[in-house]
Each structure stands twice: as C-alpha cells, then as structure tokens.
C-alpha cells in the first residue's frame, strides 16, 4: 500500500504457512506483530518481531533455523523455546535483548513427580531417576538443569501417558518410556526413563 514501508523478509519458505500473533513487548502497551514459520522434520522455527520503534516501522528481532522452535509471550517477554532450552527476549533501551529463562517449578499435587535431567560436558544425557511409577491421573514433570546441547524428548506410543506441553499425564495402566536425545539425534548419548503407570 502506498506510504507503507517495505520490510524484506526473504528467509521464509514460500511453500510453508506463515503464522502471526500480536503482542505488547515494548513499554507503553505498544503492540508488535510476530511472524512465525516452522519447517522440516526438526521443526525449525523462523520468526520476526515487527513493530514501531523511534517512530518507524521496522524489524525489531529476526531469528531463524531454531531446532524444535516455538515462541510464546509472557508478561512483556518473548520466550523462544529451542527444544528443551528457553531464552527470554525483553525490551531494554532501544532493542530486544536475550537472557536465559527457566520455567518456575510447578506446584506438585499428591502423586505427581518431578525428575531433573541435563546434558553433561561430553554431550551425554543424564537423569536423576531412571525409573518412575505413577498412578493414573498423576503428572510427571521433567526439569532441565544447566546448559549444554539442546535435547529432543520422545515418549512411547500408546495411551499410557500423554504430553500436554508442560507435563506427562498418566492416562492408563501400563509401561512406557521417555527418551532424552542430546542434539536431537545423538541416540548413542541418549538416556531413558522407564515409566510405569499402575493403581
């Protein structure tokens, strides 16, 4: 449209959907548009934050090729998930700057479990407990400790547990497993958690 600035966003794939959301990340409740696109088997995320700063419409943040990527907004922060790691982007002065982000510890109900895990300096996954027992309806939370390589977390098929984005919910009795894979593909350094659901 006449009078609108042109923003060149050539890093998006032409054959994949570009989604958007509106958020207020800057002081004064000024809104921005966040364009996102995921592509490939690794769920690679590309995104841009577009908004007005210094009276001009511009790209405030541009990120691409983030493995198992996702963005979400919480309290004037843009949280970028990269597999099981997260970074918060916050407005500071005249730009968005990054800082490490850790989810607050969940409130555990009776029967829920929290298992810590991480990736050590050699790139090998470790878990606090290799075997967990749950009752139907209980939740298992996994808590990443430290930095290191991003990890992909897979869980067994069937209907023993389901993942709701925050926890693994015990749905029916049976046995399954959760596998933490460093780098998303390094199965030789992966670690398994056996999960048993029973009354």
C-alpha atoms as a PDB file:
ATOM      1  CA  UNK A   1       0.000   0.000   0.000  1.00  0.00           C
ATOM      2  CA  UNK A   2       1.154   3.500  -0.762  1.00  0.00           C
ATOM      3  CA  UNK A   3       3.027   5.101   2.123  1.00  0.00           C
ATOM      4  CA  UNK A   4       3.713   1.817   3.955  1.00  0.00           C
ATOM      5  CA  UNK A   5       7.361   0.843   4.432  1.00  0.00           C
ATOM      6  CA  UNK A   6       8.588  -2.315   2.737  1.00  0.00           C
ATOM      7  CA  UNK A   7      10.141  -4.916   5.012  1.00  0.00           C
ATOM      8  CA  UNK A   8      12.194  -7.572   3.246  1.00  0.00           C
ATOM      9  CA  UNK A   9      11.592 -10.959   4.856  1.00  0.00           C
ATOM     10  CA  UNK A  10      13.256 -13.250   2.338  1.00  0.00           C
ATOM     11  CA  UNK A  11      14.189 -16.013   4.804  1.00  0.00           C
ATOM     12  CA  UNK A  12      10.710 -17.617   4.818  1.00  0.00           C
ATOM     13  CA  UNK A  13       9.891 -20.716   2.761  1.00  0.00           C
ATOM     14  CA  UNK A  14       7.377 -19.980   0.027  1.00  0.00           C
ATOM     15  CA  UNK A  15       5.607 -23.338   0.432  1.00  0.00           C
ATOM     16  CA  UNK A  16       5.003 -23.294   4.211  1.00  0.00           C
ATOM     17  CA  UNK A  17       2.439 -21.395   6.247  1.00  0.00           C
ATOM     18  CA  UNK A  18       3.456 -18.144   7.938  1.00  0.00           C
ATOM     19  CA  UNK A  19       1.518 -17.566  11.165  1.00  0.00           C
ATOM     20  CA  UNK A  20       1.247 -14.380  13.155  1.00  0.00           C
ATOM     21  CA  UNK A  21       0.285 -13.138  16.570  1.00  0.00           C
ATOM     22  CA  UNK A  22       0.026  -9.681  18.122  1.00  0.00           C
ATOM     23  CA  UNK A  23       1.773  -8.945  21.415  1.00  0.00           C
ATOM     24  CA  UNK A  24       2.828  -5.978  23.540  1.00  0.00           C
ATOM     25  CA  UNK A  25       6.545  -6.334  24.243  1.00  0.00           C
ATOM     26  CA  UNK A  26       7.514  -2.660  24.444  1.00  0.00           C
ATOM     27  CA  UNK A  27       6.756  -0.188  27.225  1.00  0.00           C
ATOM     28  CA  UNK A  28       3.506   1.711  26.964  1.00  0.00           C
ATOM     29  CA  UNK A  29       1.489  -1.298  25.756  1.00  0.00           C
ATOM     30  CA  UNK A  30       2.629  -0.689  22.169  1.00  0.00           C
ATOM     31  CA  UNK A  31       1.834  -3.776  20.102  1.00  0.00           C
ATOM     32  CA  UNK A  32       4.056  -5.705  17.716  1.00  0.00           C
ATOM     33  CA  UNK A  33       3.377  -8.432  15.171  1.00  0.00           C
ATOM     34  CA  UNK A  34       5.282 -11.714  15.482  1.00  0.00           C
ATOM     35  CA  UNK A  35       5.544 -13.678  12.229  1.00  0.00           C
ATOM     36  CA  UNK A  36       6.438 -17.358  12.625  1.00  0.00           C
ATOM     37  CA  UNK A  37       7.067 -20.300  10.337  1.00  0.00           C
ATOM     38  CA  UNK A  38       8.109 -23.869  11.173  1.00  0.00           C
ATOM     39  CA  UNK A  39       9.595 -26.163   8.562  1.00  0.00           C
ATOM     40  CA  UNK A  40      11.352 -29.506   8.235  1.00  0.00           C
ATOM     41  CA  UNK A  41      11.348 -32.625  10.367  1.00  0.00           C
ATOM     42  CA  UNK A  42      13.292 -30.796  13.085  1.00  0.00           C
ATOM     43  CA  UNK A  43      10.507 -28.226  13.483  1.00  0.00           C
ATOM     44  CA  UNK A  44      12.952 -25.445  12.551  1.00  0.00           C
ATOM     45  CA  UNK A  45      11.480 -22.088  13.516  1.00  0.00           C
ATOM     46  CA  UNK A  46      11.980 -18.769  11.764  1.00  0.00           C
ATOM     47  CA  UNK A  47      10.405 -15.662  13.243  1.00  0.00           C
ATOM     48  CA  UNK A  48      10.409 -11.881  13.102  1.00  0.00           C
ATOM     49  CA  UNK A  49       9.110  -9.289  15.538  1.00  0.00           C
ATOM     50  CA  UNK A  50       7.853  -6.255  13.630  1.00  0.00           C
ATOM     51  CA  UNK A  51       6.825  -3.023  15.289  1.00  0.00           C
ATOM     52  CA  UNK A  52       7.384   0.690  15.619  1.00  0.00           C
ATOM     53  CA  UNK A  53      10.455   1.991  17.393  1.00  0.00           C
ATOM     54  CA  UNK A  54      11.746   5.555  17.150  1.00  0.00           C
ATOM     55  CA  UNK A  55       8.637   6.383  15.135  1.00  0.00           C
ATOM     56  CA  UNK A  56       9.461   3.906  12.339  1.00  0.00           C
ATOM     57  CA  UNK A  57       8.029   0.515  11.446  1.00  0.00           C
ATOM     58  CA  UNK A  58      10.914  -1.961  11.476  1.00  0.00           C
ATOM     59  CA  UNK A  59      12.031  -5.493  12.212  1.00  0.00           C
ATOM     60  CA  UNK A  60      12.914  -5.455  15.905  1.00  0.00           C
ATOM     61  CA  UNK A  61      14.162  -9.050  16.062  1.00  0.00           C
ATOM     62  CA  UNK A  62      14.811 -11.655  13.384  1.00  0.00           C
ATOM     63  CA  UNK A  63      15.717 -15.272  14.192  1.00  0.00           C
ATOM     64  CA  UNK A  64      15.876 -18.382  12.023  1.00  0.00           C
ATOM     65  CA  UNK A  65      16.597 -22.115  11.940  1.00  0.00           C
ATOM     66  CA  UNK A  66      15.806 -22.747  15.610  1.00  0.00           C
ATOM     67  CA  UNK A  67      15.620 -26.509  16.189  1.00  0.00           C
ATOM     68  CA  UNK A  68      12.273 -27.645  17.646  1.00  0.00           C
ATOM     69  CA  UNK A  69      11.454 -23.960  17.903  1.00  0.00           C
ATOM     70  CA  UNK A  70       8.458 -22.232  19.397  1.00  0.00           C
ATOM     71  CA  UNK A  71       7.724 -18.695  20.604  1.00  0.00           C
ATOM     72  CA  UNK A  72       5.321 -17.571  23.284  1.00  0.00           C
ATOM     73  CA  UNK A  73       4.630 -14.307  25.057  1.00  0.00           C
ATOM     74  CA  UNK A  74       4.514 -13.887  28.807  1.00  0.00           C
ATOM     75  CA  UNK A  75       4.403 -10.577  30.733  1.00  0.00           C
ATOM     76  CA  UNK A  76       6.101  -8.369  28.105  1.00  0.00           C
ATOM     77  CA  UNK A  77       8.661 -11.118  27.373  1.00  0.00           C
ATOM     78  CA  UNK A  78       9.052 -13.125  24.210  1.00  0.00           C
ATOM     79  CA  UNK A  79      10.121 -16.638  25.173  1.00  0.00           C
ATOM     80  CA  UNK A  80      11.953 -18.586  22.496  1.00  0.00           C
ATOM     81  CA  UNK A  81      11.970 -22.347  23.013  1.00  0.00           C
ATOM     82  CA  UNK A  82      14.792 -24.251  21.345  1.00  0.00           C
ATOM     83  CA  UNK A  83      13.929 -27.859  22.046  1.00  0.00           C
ATOM     84  CA  UNK A  84      14.089 -28.100  25.821  1.00  0.00           C
ATOM     85  CA  UNK A  85      16.050 -24.853  26.325  1.00  0.00           C
ATOM     86  CA  UNK A  86      14.493 -21.400  26.532  1.00  0.00           C
ATOM     87  CA  UNK A  87      15.628 -17.817  26.045  1.00  0.00           C
ATOM     88  CA  UNK A  88      13.662 -14.726  27.059  1.00  0.00           C
ATOM     89  CA  UNK A  89      13.801 -11.622  24.872  1.00  0.00           C
ATOM     90  CA  UNK A  90      12.999  -8.384  26.710  1.00  0.00           C
ATOM     91  CA  UNK A  91      12.972  -4.742  25.646  1.00  0.00           C
ATOM     92  CA  UNK A  92      15.966  -2.873  27.023  1.00  0.00           C
ATOM     93  CA  UNK A  93      16.529   0.705  25.999  1.00  0.00           C
ATOM     94  CA  UNK A  94      16.111   0.596  22.229  1.00  0.00           C
ATOM     95  CA  UNK A  95      16.199  -3.112  21.385  1.00  0.00           C
ATOM     96  CA  UNK A  96      15.215  -6.631  22.376  1.00  0.00           C
ATOM     97  CA  UNK A  97      17.968  -8.403  24.329  1.00  0.00           C
ATOM     98  CA  UNK A  98      18.227 -12.047  25.327  1.00  0.00           C
ATOM     99  CA  UNK A  99      18.622 -13.653  28.706  1.00  0.00           C
ATOM    100  CA  UNK A 100      18.426 -17.228  29.957  1.00  0.00           C
ATOM    101  CA  UNK A 101      14.967 -18.331  31.017  1.00  0.00           C
ATOM    102  CA  UNK A 102      13.910 -21.144  33.323  1.00  0.00           C
ATOM    103  CA  UNK A 103      10.300 -22.080  33.937  1.00  0.00           C
ATOM    104  CA  UNK A 104       9.217 -21.751  37.564  1.00  0.00           C
ATOM    105  CA  UNK A 105       8.975 -25.040  39.422  1.00  0.00           C
ATOM    106  CA  UNK A 106       5.469 -26.486  39.124  1.00  0.00           C
ATOM    107  CA  UNK A 107       3.171 -26.967  42.095  1.00  0.00           C
ATOM    108  CA  UNK A 108       3.056 -30.729  42.579  1.00  0.00           C
ATOM    109  CA  UNK A 109      -0.190 -32.421  43.538  1.00  0.00           C
ATOM    110  CA  UNK A 110      -0.281 -35.657  45.511  1.00  0.00           C
ATOM    111  CA  UNK A 111       1.254 -38.396  43.361  1.00  0.00           C
ATOM    112  CA  UNK A 112       2.962 -36.053  40.872  1.00  0.00           C
ATOM    113  CA  UNK A 113       6.695 -36.468  40.244  1.00  0.00           C
ATOM    114  CA  UNK A 114       9.490 -34.115  39.236  1.00  0.00           C
ATOM    115  CA  UNK A 115      12.596 -35.591  37.562  1.00  0.00           C
ATOM    116  CA  UNK A 116      15.640 -33.452  36.820  1.00  0.00           C
ATOM    117  CA  UNK A 117      17.821 -34.120  33.788  1.00  0.00           C
ATOM    118  CA  UNK A 118      20.520 -32.447  31.732  1.00  0.00           C
ATOM    119  CA  UNK A 119      23.298 -32.782  29.190  1.00  0.00           C
ATOM    120  CA  UNK A 120      26.828 -33.022  30.590  1.00  0.00           C
ATOM    121  CA  UNK A 121      30.031 -31.515  29.168  1.00  0.00           C
ATOM    122  CA  UNK A 122      30.613 -34.566  26.945  1.00  0.00           C
ATOM    123  CA  UNK A 123      27.164 -34.161  25.395  1.00  0.00           C
ATOM    124  CA  UNK A 124      25.671 -37.163  27.193  1.00  0.00           C
ATOM    125  CA  UNK A 125      22.219 -37.008  28.750  1.00  0.00           C
ATOM    126  CA  UNK A 126      21.736 -37.756  32.445  1.00  0.00           C
ATOM    127  CA  UNK A 127      18.604 -38.235  34.521  1.00  0.00           C
ATOM    128  CA  UNK A 128      18.004 -38.014  38.247  1.00  0.00           C
ATOM    129  CA  UNK A 129      15.798 -41.122  38.202  1.00  0.00           C
ATOM    130  CA  UNK A 130      15.818 -43.812  35.514  1.00  0.00           C
ATOM    131  CA  UNK A 131      12.537 -45.363  36.638  1.00  0.00           C
ATOM    132  CA  UNK A 132       9.309 -43.653  37.699  1.00  0.00           C
ATOM    133  CA  UNK A 133       5.999 -45.075  38.921  1.00  0.00           C
ATOM    134  CA  UNK A 134       2.769 -43.053  38.637  1.00  0.00           C
ATOM    135  CA  UNK A 135      -0.891 -43.571  39.440  1.00  0.00           C
ATOM    136  CA  UNK A 136      -3.464 -42.829  36.712  1.00  0.00           C
ATOM    137  CA  UNK A 137      -4.114 -39.084  36.620  1.00  0.00           C
ATOM    138  CA  UNK A 138      -0.738 -38.128  38.131  1.00  0.00           C
ATOM    139  CA  UNK A 139       1.732 -35.946  36.275  1.00  0.00           C
ATOM    140  CA  UNK A 140       5.437 -36.316  35.577  1.00  0.00           C
ATOM    141  CA  UNK A 141       7.370 -33.067  35.136  1.00  0.00           C
ATOM    142  CA  UNK A 142      10.839 -33.036  33.590  1.00  0.00           C
ATOM    143  CA  UNK A 143      13.122 -30.227  34.725  1.00  0.00           C
ATOM    144  CA  UNK A 144      16.169 -29.302  32.620  1.00  0.00           C
ATOM    145  CA  UNK A 145      19.242 -28.408  34.674  1.00  0.00           C
ATOM    146  CA  UNK A 146      22.195 -26.467  33.264  1.00  0.00           C
ATOM    147  CA  UNK A 147      23.060 -25.615  29.691  1.00  0.00           C
ATOM    148  CA  UNK A 148      24.742 -27.650  27.008  1.00  0.00           C
ATOM    149  CA  UNK A 149      23.255 -29.109  23.865  1.00  0.00           C
ATOM    150  CA  UNK A 150      19.565 -28.865  23.150  1.00  0.00           C
ATOM    151  CA  UNK A 151      17.690 -32.154  23.580  1.00  0.00           C
ATOM    152  CA  UNK A 152      14.752 -33.763  21.861  1.00  0.00           C
ATOM    153  CA  UNK A 153      12.407 -35.597  24.208  1.00  0.00           C
ATOM    154  CA  UNK A 154      10.408 -38.508  22.829  1.00  0.00           C
ATOM    155  CA  UNK A 155       7.905 -40.684  24.631  1.00  0.00           C
ATOM    156  CA  UNK A 156       6.458 -44.084  23.828  1.00  0.00           C
ATOM    157  CA  UNK A 157       3.402 -44.543  21.709  1.00  0.00           C
ATOM    158  CA  UNK A 158       0.190 -45.991  23.006  1.00  0.00           C
ATOM    159  CA  UNK A 159      -2.026 -44.404  25.586  1.00  0.00           C
ATOM    160  CA  UNK A 160      -0.099 -44.936  28.819  1.00  0.00           C
ATOM    161  CA  UNK A 161       0.995 -41.278  29.070  1.00  0.00           C
ATOM    162  CA  UNK A 162       0.161 -38.114  27.142  1.00  0.00           C
ATOM    163  CA  UNK A 163       2.114 -34.867  26.925  1.00  0.00           C
ATOM    164  CA  UNK A 164       0.185 -31.616  27.402  1.00  0.00           C
ATOM    165  CA  UNK A 165       3.074 -29.260  26.639  1.00  0.00           C
ATOM    166  CA  UNK A 166       4.123 -28.967  30.293  1.00  0.00           C
ATOM    167  CA  UNK A 167       3.960 -32.448  31.779  1.00  0.00           C
ATOM    168  CA  UNK A 168       3.365 -36.121  31.040  1.00  0.00           C
ATOM    169  CA  UNK A 169      -0.032 -37.250  32.300  1.00  0.00           C
ATOM    170  CA  UNK A 170      -0.549 -40.882  33.327  1.00  0.00           C
ATOM    171  CA  UNK A 171      -3.637 -41.944  31.355  1.00  0.00           C
ATOM    172  CA  UNK A 172      -3.895 -45.696  31.801  1.00  0.00           C
ATOM    173  CA  UNK A 173      -2.018 -48.565  33.402  1.00  0.00           C
ATOM    174  CA  UNK A 174       0.950 -49.934  31.534  1.00  0.00           C
ATOM    175  CA  UNK A 175       4.647 -49.391  30.860  1.00  0.00           C
ATOM    176  CA  UNK A 176       6.285 -46.907  28.504  1.00  0.00           C
ATOM    177  CA  UNK A 177       9.447 -44.831  28.247  1.00  0.00           C
ATOM    178  CA  UNK A 178      10.686 -41.296  27.774  1.00  0.00           C
ATOM    179  CA  UNK A 179      13.953 -40.793  25.887  1.00  0.00           C
ATOM    180  CA  UNK A 180      16.131 -37.676  26.137  1.00  0.00           C
ATOM    181  CA  UNK A 181      18.254 -37.338  22.996  1.00  0.00           C
ATOM    182  CA  UNK A 182      21.118 -34.795  23.007  1.00  0.00           C
ATOM    183  CA  UNK A 183      21.299 -32.622  19.900  1.00  0.00           C
ATOM    184  CA  UNK A 184      18.009 -34.141  18.823  1.00  0.00           C
ATOM    185  CA  UNK A 185      19.692 -37.024  17.009  1.00  0.00           C
ATOM    186  CA  UNK A 186      22.581 -38.377  19.117  1.00  0.00           C
ATOM    187  CA  UNK A 187      20.981 -41.664  20.211  1.00  0.00           C
ATOM    188  CA  UNK A 188      24.317 -43.054  21.465  1.00  0.00           C
ATOM    189  CA  UNK A 189      24.317 -40.420  24.227  1.00  0.00           C
ATOM    190  CA  UNK A 190      20.595 -40.602  24.986  1.00  0.00           C
ATOM    191  CA  UNK A 191      19.104 -41.503  28.355  1.00  0.00           C
ATOM    192  CA  UNK A 192      15.873 -43.364  29.005  1.00  0.00           C
ATOM    193  CA  UNK A 193      13.325 -43.006  31.793  1.00  0.00           C
ATOM    194  CA  UNK A 194      11.108 -46.056  32.259  1.00  0.00           C
ATOM    195  CA  UNK A 195       7.576 -45.070  33.263  1.00  0.00           C
ATOM    196  CA  UNK A 196       5.128 -47.475  34.890  1.00  0.00           C
ATOM    197  CA  UNK A 197       1.529 -46.465  35.467  1.00  0.00           C
ATOM    198  CA  UNK A 198      -0.404 -48.614  37.914  1.00  0.00           C
ATOM    199  CA  UNK A 199      -3.157 -48.305  40.506  1.00  0.00           C
END
